[in-house]
Amino acid sequence: MLNMQIKLKVIIHFSFVLIAPAVNAINFIQVSENENMKVFLDIDSIEWSGSVVSANEIRDYKVPMEMGKIGEYRSSLNLTEIDCKKNISTIRFIDTFELNGLKGKLISHGVKQPLIYKIRSKTMTSDVRDFLCSKRSVVRT
């Protein structure tokens, strides 16, 4: 887990230092899209612990999202964990950005507590689950 947080901080650092979207700077691939957003996963960040798989995830929103008093954002970088057996998603870390591709002003950093929820079928998160959980036999770290 600590290793994933360090990788996430490195990604954030590179996106600022290089002034380039992390989508192009790291090994991100698109795994889902709907009328509201696109979801990308960093293939190199996939890690397993038992039935739980974690990866860095970018969500680029087609319309601005609201975050209470903090403001609007169009992109987020998340550390996402999926329990393949229990069908549960946990967001351990999230940074939000003003513009798509993790560009623009950093709107918020981190989470006060993990966001844990049951994965519903035919959702963006179920697409992420299906992709990650199918990678167990291919990717091991």
Protein backbone atom coordinates (compact mmCIF):
# COMPACT_ATOMS: atom_id res chain seq x y z
CA MET A 1 0.00 0.00 0.00
CA LEU A 2 2.76 2.44 0.92
CA ASN A 3 4.51 1.57 -2.34
CA MET A 4 1.35 2.55 -4.30
CA GLN A 5 1.12 5.90 -2.48
CA ILE A 6 4.74 6.64 -3.35
CA LYS A 7 4.08 5.76 -7.02
CA LEU A 8 1.03 8.05 -7.00
CA LYS A 9 3.08 10.93 -5.62
CA VAL A 10 5.71 10.36 -8.31
CA ILE A 11 3.01 10.55 -11.00
CA ILE A 12 1.70 13.80 -9.56
CA HIS A 13 5.21 15.20 -9.38
CA PHE A 14 5.95 14.34 -13.02
CA SER A 15 2.66 15.81 -14.21
CA PHE A 16 3.61 19.14 -12.63
CA VAL A 17 7.31 19.13 -13.44
CA LEU A 18 6.92 18.11 -17.06
CA ILE A 19 3.69 20.08 -17.50
CA ALA A 20 2.27 17.15 -19.43
CA PRO A 21 -0.82 15.08 -18.79
CA ALA A 22 -0.10 11.87 -16.91
CA VAL A 23 -2.08 10.09 -19.62
CA ASN A 24 0.89 10.66 -21.94
CA ALA A 25 3.69 10.58 -19.35
CA ILE A 26 2.98 7.17 -17.77
CA ASN A 27 1.60 3.86 -19.11
CA PHE A 28 -2.12 4.75 -18.94
CA ILE A 29 -4.68 3.07 -21.17
CA GLN A 30 -8.37 3.89 -21.54
CA VAL A 31 -10.59 1.16 -20.05
CA SER A 32 -14.01 2.79 -20.10
CA GLU A 33 -16.01 5.70 -21.48
CA ASN A 34 -19.59 6.94 -21.27
CA GLU A 35 -21.42 10.20 -21.96
CA ASN A 36 -19.95 11.76 -18.78
CA MET A 37 -16.32 10.64 -18.56
CA LYS A 38 -13.35 8.57 -19.68
CA VAL A 39 -11.43 6.27 -17.33
CA PHE A 40 -7.73 5.40 -17.73
CA LEU A 41 -5.58 2.96 -15.72
CA ASP A 42 -1.80 2.93 -15.29
CA ILE A 43 -0.85 -0.61 -16.28
CA ASP A 44 2.55 -0.31 -14.57
CA SER A 45 0.93 0.52 -11.20
CA ILE A 46 -1.19 -2.66 -10.93
CA GLU A 47 -0.46 -4.53 -7.68
CA TRP A 48 -2.10 -7.56 -6.06
CA SER A 49 -2.61 -8.52 -2.41
CA GLY A 50 -4.77 -11.63 -2.15
CA SER A 51 -8.05 -10.91 -3.95
CA VAL A 52 -7.45 -7.13 -3.91
CA VAL A 53 -5.94 -5.34 -6.90
CA SER A 54 -4.93 -1.68 -6.87
CA ALA A 55 -3.97 0.77 -9.62
CA ASN A 56 -3.62 4.45 -10.36
CA GLU A 57 -6.68 5.71 -12.21
CA ILE A 58 -7.48 8.92 -14.10
CA ARG A 59 -11.05 10.03 -14.60
CA ASP A 60 -11.52 12.80 -17.16
CA TYR A 61 -14.99 14.35 -16.97
CA LYS A 62 -16.73 15.76 -20.04
CA VAL A 63 -18.61 18.29 -17.90
CA PRO A 64 -17.19 19.94 -14.76
CA MET A 65 -17.76 18.13 -11.46
CA GLU A 66 -18.59 20.01 -8.25
CA MET A 67 -16.70 19.50 -5.00
CA GLY A 68 -18.68 21.48 -2.42
CA LYS A 69 -17.00 24.73 -1.46
CA ILE A 70 -13.72 23.68 -3.06
CA GLY A 71 -14.89 24.24 -6.64
CA GLU A 72 -15.23 22.57 -10.01
CA TYR A 73 -12.83 20.03 -11.45
CA ARG A 74 -12.58 18.13 -14.75
CA SER A 75 -9.99 15.47 -13.94
CA SER A 76 -9.07 13.27 -11.00
CA LEU A 77 -6.13 11.01 -10.18
CA ASN A 78 -7.15 8.19 -7.86
CA LEU A 79 -5.51 5.27 -6.10
CA THR A 80 -8.25 2.68 -6.59
CA GLU A 81 -8.51 -0.75 -4.99
CA ILE A 82 -10.89 -3.44 -6.19
CA ASP A 83 -11.69 -6.53 -4.12
CA CYS A 84 -12.38 -9.02 -6.89
CA LYS A 85 -14.02 -11.56 -4.56
CA LYS A 86 -16.19 -9.15 -2.51
CA ASN A 87 -17.02 -6.85 -5.46
CA ILE A 88 -16.03 -3.73 -3.49
CA SER A 89 -14.22 -0.62 -4.71
CA THR A 90 -12.14 1.60 -2.42
CA ILE A 91 -10.66 4.95 -3.38
CA ARG A 92 -7.66 5.42 -1.08
CA PHE A 93 -6.40 8.68 -2.54
CA ILE A 94 -7.74 11.34 -4.91
CA ASP A 95 -6.37 14.55 -6.39
CA THR A 96 -8.63 16.74 -8.50
CA PHE A 97 -7.53 19.12 -11.25
CA GLU A 98 -9.07 22.08 -13.02
CA LEU A 99 -8.60 20.68 -16.54
CA ASN A 100 -8.69 17.27 -18.25
CA GLY A 101 -5.49 15.22 -18.40
CA LEU A 102 -4.49 16.33 -14.86
CA LYS A 103 -3.72 19.82 -16.14
CA GLY A 104 -4.39 23.21 -14.63
CA LYS A 105 -4.73 24.13 -10.98
CA LEU A 106 -4.78 21.40 -8.30
CA ILE A 107 -8.27 21.74 -6.77
CA SER A 108 -8.01 19.21 -3.92
CA HIS A 109 -5.44 16.76 -2.56
CA GLY A 110 -6.01 13.44 -0.76
CA VAL A 111 -9.04 12.05 1.07
CA LYS A 112 -9.87 12.23 4.77
CA GLN A 113 -11.06 8.62 4.77
CA PRO A 114 -11.27 5.94 2.09
CA LEU A 115 -14.37 5.96 -0.14
CA ILE A 116 -15.72 2.39 -0.04
CA TYR A 117 -18.69 1.16 -2.04
CA LYS A 118 -20.25 -1.95 -3.58
CA ILE A 119 -19.71 -2.13 -7.33
CA ARG A 120 -22.92 -2.04 -9.36
CA SER A 121 -23.13 -3.77 -12.74
CA LYS A 122 -22.87 -1.86 -16.02
CA THR A 123 -21.00 1.11 -14.49
CA MET A 124 -17.62 2.70 -15.11
CA THR A 125 -16.34 1.08 -11.91
CA SER A 126 -17.56 -2.34 -13.06
CA ASP A 127 -15.57 -1.80 -16.28
CA VAL A 128 -12.49 -1.02 -14.15
CA ARG A 129 -13.16 -4.12 -12.02
CA ASP A 130 -13.60 -6.35 -15.06
CA PHE A 131 -10.35 -5.09 -16.58
CA LEU A 132 -8.27 -5.30 -13.39
CA CYS A 133 -9.62 -8.60 -12.10
CA SER A 134 -9.04 -10.22 -15.49
CA LYS A 135 -5.36 -9.21 -15.31
CA ARG A 136 -4.49 -11.43 -12.34
CA SER A 137 -3.02 -14.18 -14.48
CA VAL A 138 -1.17 -11.68 -16.69
CA VAL A 139 0.21 -9.05 -14.29
CA ARG A 140 1.86 -9.89 -10.96
CA THR A 141 3.95 -7.54 -8.83
